[in-house]
Amino acid sequence: MTDNDERLTIPAQPPTDEDLRQDADLTRQELAETVAALGEKADVKARVQRVAHDKAKELRQRGDELVDKLPDSVATRVRPVVTGATNKPMIPLATLIAFLLVLRFLLKRRAAR
């Protein structure tokens, strides 16, 4: 119990109705805080979405910084690609994986000859 929630009765005396109400209110408040904290911790989907949103925002900022460092003639051509890649990162990632798989296949085939 905190200083504000001290009982008003003498320790040897039984608690009054008001003391019991205060104790129940304090217990309810602590329980509500605990349940809210556990609920947030258990909500993995929301946590993952929050992290993904933060990473996507960081990726967009880095992409914009890199494009800004390029000469204007190159930047105008590259900016739409960077914007598309940062808005839907799975498309370039899937393309890269497909490219690497084809390259691996071709290299294995060439080595077998």
Protein backbone atom coordinates (compact mmCIF):
# COMPACT_ATOMS: atom_id res chain seq x y z
CA MET A 1 0.00 0.00 0.00
CA THR A 2 1.15 3.55 -0.65
CA ASP A 3 1.18 6.42 1.82
CA ASN A 4 -2.10 7.79 0.45
CA ASP A 5 -3.85 4.48 0.97
CA GLU A 6 -2.95 3.94 4.60
CA ARG A 7 -5.70 2.66 6.77
CA LEU A 8 -7.21 5.10 9.20
CA THR A 9 -7.78 2.53 11.94
CA ILE A 10 -5.45 1.35 14.62
CA PRO A 11 -3.68 -1.86 13.53
CA ALA A 12 -5.22 -3.88 16.38
CA GLN A 13 -8.72 -2.79 15.37
CA PRO A 14 -10.67 -4.50 12.57
CA PRO A 15 -10.81 -2.52 9.31
CA THR A 16 -13.76 -0.24 8.73
CA ASP A 17 -16.08 -0.44 5.73
CA GLU A 18 -14.32 2.56 4.20
CA ASP A 19 -10.93 0.85 4.60
CA LEU A 20 -12.25 -2.24 2.85
CA ARG A 21 -13.71 -0.15 -0.01
CA GLN A 22 -10.40 1.68 -0.49
CA ASP A 23 -8.52 -1.60 -0.46
CA ALA A 24 -10.90 -3.14 -3.01
CA ASP A 25 -10.65 -0.04 -5.25
CA LEU A 26 -6.88 -0.12 -5.09
CA THR A 27 -6.83 -3.84 -5.88
CA ARG A 28 -9.18 -3.31 -8.85
CA GLN A 29 -6.99 -0.51 -10.19
CA GLU A 30 -3.81 -2.60 -9.89
CA LEU A 31 -5.52 -5.56 -11.53
CA ALA A 32 -6.75 -3.39 -14.42
CA GLU A 33 -3.22 -2.07 -14.99
CA THR A 34 -1.79 -5.58 -14.92
CA VAL A 35 -4.39 -6.90 -17.36
CA ALA A 36 -3.75 -3.97 -19.73
CA ALA A 37 0.00 -4.57 -19.62
CA LEU A 38 -0.42 -8.31 -20.23
CA GLY A 39 -2.87 -7.65 -23.05
CA GLU A 40 -0.42 -5.35 -24.80
CA LYS A 41 2.41 -7.83 -24.33
CA ALA A 42 0.32 -10.69 -25.66
CA ASP A 43 -0.85 -8.76 -28.74
CA VAL A 44 1.97 -9.98 -30.95
CA LYS A 45 0.23 -8.97 -34.17
CA ALA A 46 0.00 -5.32 -33.11
CA ARG A 47 3.62 -5.31 -31.95
CA VAL A 48 4.81 -6.79 -35.24
CA GLN A 49 2.75 -4.31 -37.23
CA ARG A 50 4.18 -1.44 -35.18
CA VAL A 51 7.75 -2.62 -35.80
CA ALA A 52 7.05 -3.19 -39.50
CA HIS A 53 5.54 0.27 -39.81
CA ASP A 54 8.59 1.82 -38.13
CA LYS A 55 10.99 -0.10 -40.37
CA ALA A 56 9.05 0.86 -43.50
CA LYS A 57 9.15 4.50 -42.48
CA GLU A 58 12.90 4.25 -41.89
CA LEU A 59 13.37 2.56 -45.26
CA ARG A 60 11.43 5.33 -47.03
CA GLN A 61 13.54 7.98 -45.33
CA ARG A 62 16.80 6.26 -46.29
CA GLY A 63 15.61 5.81 -49.86
CA ASP A 64 14.72 9.48 -50.12
CA GLU A 65 18.11 10.46 -48.69
CA LEU A 66 19.92 8.30 -51.23
CA VAL A 67 17.89 9.65 -54.15
CA ASP A 68 18.53 13.21 -52.99
CA LYS A 69 22.29 12.57 -53.23
CA LEU A 70 22.02 11.56 -56.90
CA PRO A 71 22.31 14.02 -59.79
CA ASP A 72 18.94 15.45 -60.83
CA SER A 73 18.84 13.65 -64.17
CA VAL A 74 19.34 10.28 -62.47
CA ALA A 75 17.15 11.10 -59.47
CA THR A 76 14.09 11.75 -61.64
CA ARG A 77 14.38 8.26 -63.12
CA VAL A 78 15.25 6.48 -59.89
CA ARG A 79 12.70 8.14 -57.56
CA PRO A 80 9.63 6.22 -58.91
CA VAL A 81 11.50 2.93 -58.51
CA VAL A 82 12.54 3.74 -54.94
CA THR A 83 9.02 4.91 -54.07
CA GLY A 84 7.51 1.72 -55.45
CA ALA A 85 10.05 -0.44 -53.66
CA THR A 86 9.47 1.24 -50.32
CA ASN A 87 5.66 1.16 -50.63
CA LYS A 88 5.54 -2.53 -51.56
CA PRO A 89 8.87 -4.05 -50.49
CA MET A 90 7.76 -7.64 -51.15
CA ILE A 91 7.73 -7.15 -54.93
CA PRO A 92 11.43 -6.20 -55.27
CA LEU A 93 12.35 -8.77 -52.63
CA ALA A 94 10.54 -11.55 -54.52
CA THR A 95 12.17 -10.40 -57.76
CA LEU A 96 15.60 -10.51 -56.15
CA ILE A 97 15.00 -14.01 -54.78
CA ALA A 98 13.79 -15.23 -58.18
CA PHE A 99 16.84 -13.69 -59.86
CA LEU A 100 19.19 -15.36 -57.37
CA LEU A 101 17.51 -18.74 -57.87
CA VAL A 102 17.82 -18.49 -61.66
CA LEU A 103 21.45 -17.42 -61.33
CA ARG A 104 22.17 -20.36 -59.01
CA PHE A 105 20.49 -22.75 -61.43
CA LEU A 106 22.53 -21.41 -64.36
CA LEU A 107 25.79 -21.58 -62.43
CA LYS A 108 25.15 -25.17 -61.34
CA ARG A 109 24.25 -26.13 -64.87
CA ARG A 110 27.39 -24.49 -66.22
CA ALA A 111 29.56 -26.23 -63.61
CA ALA A 112 28.07 -29.62 -64.52
CA ARG A 113 29.25 -29.34 -68.13
